[in-house]
Amino acid sequence: MAQKRAEAEMLEETIRQYHERRKHQTAEEAGVAQEQTSEEIIKSAMEQALRILREMNTDRESFRKVGLTFEERHVMIF
């Protein structure tokens, strides 16, 4: 929960900084900045997705060690 809040705050700050920079740029500079920002967002999203997949695989292996499937473990949580 705290991690999600921190990620949301980080995203909000990134957006705020983007808009602040945008106020002081020419159209060409803004286009370049927008492209760079898009690339950074995509890269960050991919890294987060890979991190989540790694964590899920780690969890899956730990569940198997105690004789549970991934799905059974998540049913128990809810």
N, C-alpha and C. Protein backbone atom coordinates (compact mmCIF):
# COMPACT_ATOMS: atom_id res chain seq x y z
N MET A 1 0.82 -1.18 0.00
CA MET A 1 0.00 0.00 0.00
C MET A 1 0.87 1.25 0.00
N ALA A 2 1.86 1.28 0.88
CA ALA A 2 2.76 2.43 0.95
C ALA A 2 3.57 2.55 -0.34
N GLN A 3 3.93 1.41 -0.94
CA GLN A 3 4.70 1.44 -2.18
C GLN A 3 3.86 2.03 -3.31
N LYS A 4 2.58 1.67 -3.37
CA LYS A 4 1.71 2.22 -4.41
C LYS A 4 1.55 3.71 -4.23
N ARG A 5 1.42 4.17 -2.98
CA ARG A 5 1.29 5.59 -2.70
C ARG A 5 2.57 6.32 -3.11
N ALA A 6 3.73 5.73 -2.81
CA ALA A 6 5.00 6.34 -3.18
C ALA A 6 5.15 6.41 -4.70
N GLU A 7 4.73 5.36 -5.40
CA GLU A 7 4.79 5.36 -6.86
C GLU A 7 3.85 6.41 -7.44
N ALA A 8 2.67 6.56 -6.86
CA ALA A 8 1.72 7.57 -7.33
C ALA A 8 2.27 8.97 -7.10
N GLU A 9 2.89 9.19 -5.95
CA GLU A 9 3.49 10.49 -5.66
C GLU A 9 4.64 10.78 -6.61
N MET A 10 5.44 9.76 -6.92
CA MET A 10 6.55 9.93 -7.84
C MET A 10 6.03 10.28 -9.24
N LEU A 11 4.96 9.63 -9.67
CA LEU A 11 4.38 9.92 -10.97
C LEU A 11 3.82 11.34 -11.00
N GLU A 12 3.12 11.75 -9.94
CA GLU A 12 2.58 13.10 -9.87
C GLU A 12 3.69 14.14 -9.92
N GLU A 13 4.78 13.89 -9.22
CA GLU A 13 5.91 14.83 -9.24
C GLU A 13 6.54 14.89 -10.62
N THR A 14 6.66 13.76 -11.29
CA THR A 14 7.21 13.74 -12.65
C THR A 14 6.33 14.56 -13.59
N ILE A 15 5.04 14.39 -13.47
CA ILE A 15 4.11 15.15 -14.31
C ILE A 15 4.21 16.64 -14.01
N ARG A 16 4.29 17.00 -12.73
CA ARG A 16 4.43 18.41 -12.35
C ARG A 16 5.70 19.01 -12.95
N GLN A 17 6.79 18.29 -12.84
CA GLN A 17 8.06 18.77 -13.41
C GLN A 17 7.97 18.91 -14.92
N TYR A 18 7.31 17.97 -15.56
CA TYR A 18 7.14 18.01 -17.01
C TYR A 18 6.41 19.29 -17.41
N HIS A 19 5.30 19.57 -16.73
CA HIS A 19 4.53 20.76 -17.07
C HIS A 19 5.31 22.04 -16.77
N GLU A 20 6.08 22.04 -15.71
CA GLU A 20 6.89 23.22 -15.37
C GLU A 20 7.95 23.46 -16.45
N ARG A 21 8.64 22.42 -16.89
CA ARG A 21 9.64 22.57 -17.96
C ARG A 21 8.98 23.03 -19.24
N ARG A 22 7.81 22.52 -19.48
CA ARG A 22 7.10 22.81 -20.73
C ARG A 22 6.80 24.31 -20.86
N LYS A 23 6.59 24.99 -19.75
CA LYS A 23 6.30 26.42 -19.77
C LYS A 23 7.45 27.23 -20.35
N HIS A 24 8.66 26.73 -20.25
CA HIS A 24 9.85 27.48 -20.62
C HIS A 24 10.53 26.98 -21.89
N GLN A 25 9.84 26.17 -22.69
CA GLN A 25 10.46 25.57 -23.87
C GLN A 25 9.79 26.04 -25.15
N THR A 26 10.58 26.02 -26.22
CA THR A 26 10.01 26.26 -27.54
C THR A 26 9.23 25.01 -27.95
N ALA A 27 8.49 25.10 -29.04
CA ALA A 27 7.71 23.95 -29.51
C ALA A 27 8.63 22.79 -29.87
N GLU A 28 9.77 23.08 -30.49
CA GLU A 28 10.71 22.02 -30.87
C GLU A 28 11.30 21.36 -29.62
N GLU A 29 11.73 22.18 -28.67
CA GLU A 29 12.29 21.64 -27.43
C GLU A 29 11.23 20.81 -26.69
N ALA A 30 9.99 21.28 -26.70
CA ALA A 30 8.92 20.55 -26.03
C ALA A 30 8.69 19.20 -26.69
N GLY A 31 8.76 19.15 -28.03
CA GLY A 31 8.59 17.89 -28.74
C GLY A 31 9.66 16.89 -28.38
N VAL A 32 10.91 17.36 -28.33
CA VAL A 32 12.02 16.48 -27.95
C VAL A 32 11.84 15.99 -26.52
N ALA A 33 11.48 16.90 -25.63
CA ALA A 33 11.28 16.53 -24.23
C ALA A 33 10.14 15.53 -24.08
N GLN A 34 9.08 15.74 -24.85
CA GLN A 34 7.95 14.82 -24.79
C GLN A 34 8.36 13.43 -25.26
N GLU A 35 9.14 13.37 -26.30
CA GLU A 35 9.61 12.07 -26.80
C GLU A 35 10.49 11.38 -25.76
N GLN A 36 11.40 12.14 -25.15
CA GLN A 36 12.27 11.56 -24.13
C GLN A 36 11.46 11.08 -22.93
N THR A 37 10.48 11.89 -22.54
CA THR A 37 9.64 11.52 -21.40
C THR A 37 8.86 10.26 -21.71
N SER A 38 8.32 10.16 -22.92
CA SER A 38 7.58 8.96 -23.32
C SER A 38 8.47 7.74 -23.24
N GLU A 39 9.70 7.87 -23.73
CA GLU A 39 10.63 6.74 -23.68
C GLU A 39 10.94 6.35 -22.24
N GLU A 40 11.10 7.35 -21.36
CA GLU A 40 11.38 7.06 -19.96
C GLU A 40 10.20 6.36 -19.29
N ILE A 41 8.99 6.80 -19.62
CA ILE A 41 7.79 6.19 -19.04
C ILE A 41 7.67 4.74 -19.49
N ILE A 42 7.90 4.50 -20.77
CA ILE A 42 7.83 3.13 -21.29
C ILE A 42 8.89 2.26 -20.64
N LYS A 43 10.10 2.78 -20.53
CA LYS A 43 11.19 2.03 -19.90
C LYS A 43 10.85 1.71 -18.45
N SER A 44 10.34 2.70 -17.73
CA SER A 44 9.98 2.50 -16.33
C SER A 44 8.87 1.47 -16.18
N ALA A 45 7.87 1.54 -17.04
CA ALA A 45 6.76 0.59 -16.99
C ALA A 45 7.26 -0.83 -17.26
N MET A 46 8.16 -0.96 -18.23
CA MET A 46 8.71 -2.28 -18.55
C MET A 46 9.51 -2.82 -17.37
N GLU A 47 10.31 -1.96 -16.74
CA GLU A 47 11.11 -2.40 -15.59
C GLU A 47 10.21 -2.83 -14.44
N GLN A 48 9.13 -2.06 -14.20
CA GLN A 48 8.20 -2.43 -13.13
C GLN A 48 7.50 -3.75 -13.45
N ALA A 49 7.10 -3.94 -14.70
CA ALA A 49 6.44 -5.19 -15.08
C ALA A 49 7.38 -6.37 -14.89
N LEU A 50 8.64 -6.22 -15.28
CA LEU A 50 9.62 -7.30 -15.10
C LEU A 50 9.86 -7.58 -13.62
N ARG A 51 9.91 -6.52 -12.80
CA ARG A 51 10.10 -6.70 -11.36
C ARG A 51 8.92 -7.48 -10.78
N ILE A 52 7.71 -7.12 -11.19
CA ILE A 52 6.51 -7.81 -10.69
C ILE A 52 6.53 -9.28 -11.12
N LEU A 53 6.90 -9.54 -12.37
CA LEU A 53 6.97 -10.93 -12.84
C LEU A 53 8.00 -11.73 -12.06
N ARG A 54 9.15 -11.12 -11.78
CA ARG A 54 10.18 -11.82 -10.98
C ARG A 54 9.64 -12.14 -9.59
N GLU A 55 8.96 -11.16 -8.97
CA GLU A 55 8.39 -11.38 -7.64
C GLU A 55 7.34 -12.48 -7.67
N MET A 56 6.52 -12.50 -8.71
CA MET A 56 5.51 -13.54 -8.84
C MET A 56 6.15 -14.90 -8.99
N ASN A 57 7.22 -14.99 -9.77
CA ASN A 57 7.92 -16.27 -9.93
C ASN A 57 8.54 -16.71 -8.62
N THR A 58 9.11 -15.78 -7.88
CA THR A 58 9.69 -16.10 -6.57
C THR A 58 8.60 -16.62 -5.64
N ASP A 59 7.45 -15.90 -5.63
CA ASP A 59 6.32 -16.34 -4.81
C ASP A 59 5.84 -17.73 -5.22
N ARG A 60 5.72 -17.94 -6.52
CA ARG A 60 5.24 -19.23 -7.03
C ARG A 60 6.15 -20.36 -6.53
N GLU A 61 7.45 -20.13 -6.59
CA GLU A 61 8.39 -21.16 -6.13
C GLU A 61 8.26 -21.40 -4.63
N SER A 62 8.06 -20.34 -3.86
CA SER A 62 7.92 -20.53 -2.41
C SER A 62 6.63 -21.27 -2.08
N PHE A 63 5.57 -21.05 -2.85
CA PHE A 63 4.32 -21.76 -2.64
C PHE A 63 4.48 -23.24 -2.95
N ARG A 64 5.20 -23.52 -4.03
CA ARG A 64 5.42 -24.92 -4.42
C ARG A 64 6.18 -25.68 -3.33
N LYS A 65 7.09 -25.00 -2.65
CA LYS A 65 7.87 -25.65 -1.60
C LYS A 65 6.98 -26.13 -0.46
N VAL A 66 5.86 -25.43 -0.24
CA VAL A 66 4.94 -25.86 0.83
C VAL A 66 3.74 -26.61 0.28
N GLY A 67 3.78 -26.94 -1.01
CA GLY A 67 2.75 -27.78 -1.61
C GLY A 67 1.50 -27.06 -2.10
N LEU A 68 1.60 -25.74 -2.31
CA LEU A 68 0.46 -24.97 -2.81
C LEU A 68 0.73 -24.49 -4.24
N THR A 69 -0.35 -24.39 -5.01
CA THR A 69 -0.20 -23.74 -6.32
C THR A 69 -0.29 -22.24 -6.10
N PHE A 70 0.13 -21.49 -7.07
CA PHE A 70 0.07 -20.03 -7.02
C PHE A 70 -1.37 -19.59 -6.78
N GLU A 71 -2.31 -20.21 -7.48
CA GLU A 71 -3.72 -19.85 -7.37
C GLU A 71 -4.28 -20.18 -5.98
N GLU A 72 -3.90 -21.36 -5.44
CA GLU A 72 -4.37 -21.74 -4.12
C GLU A 72 -3.91 -20.75 -3.05
N ARG A 73 -2.69 -20.30 -3.18
CA ARG A 73 -2.15 -19.34 -2.21
C ARG A 73 -2.94 -18.04 -2.25
N HIS A 74 -3.26 -17.56 -3.43
CA HIS A 74 -3.98 -16.30 -3.55
C HIS A 74 -5.42 -16.43 -3.11
N VAL A 75 -6.01 -17.60 -3.25
CA VAL A 75 -7.36 -17.83 -2.73
C VAL A 75 -7.33 -17.74 -1.21
N MET A 76 -6.28 -18.26 -0.60
CA MET A 76 -6.14 -18.23 0.86
C MET A 76 -6.01 -16.79 1.36
N ILE A 77 -5.36 -15.94 0.59
CA ILE A 77 -5.17 -14.55 1.02
C ILE A 77 -6.50 -13.83 1.07
N PHE A 78 -7.36 -14.11 0.11
CA PHE A 78 -8.65 -13.41 0.03
C PHE A 78 -9.67 -14.22 0.77
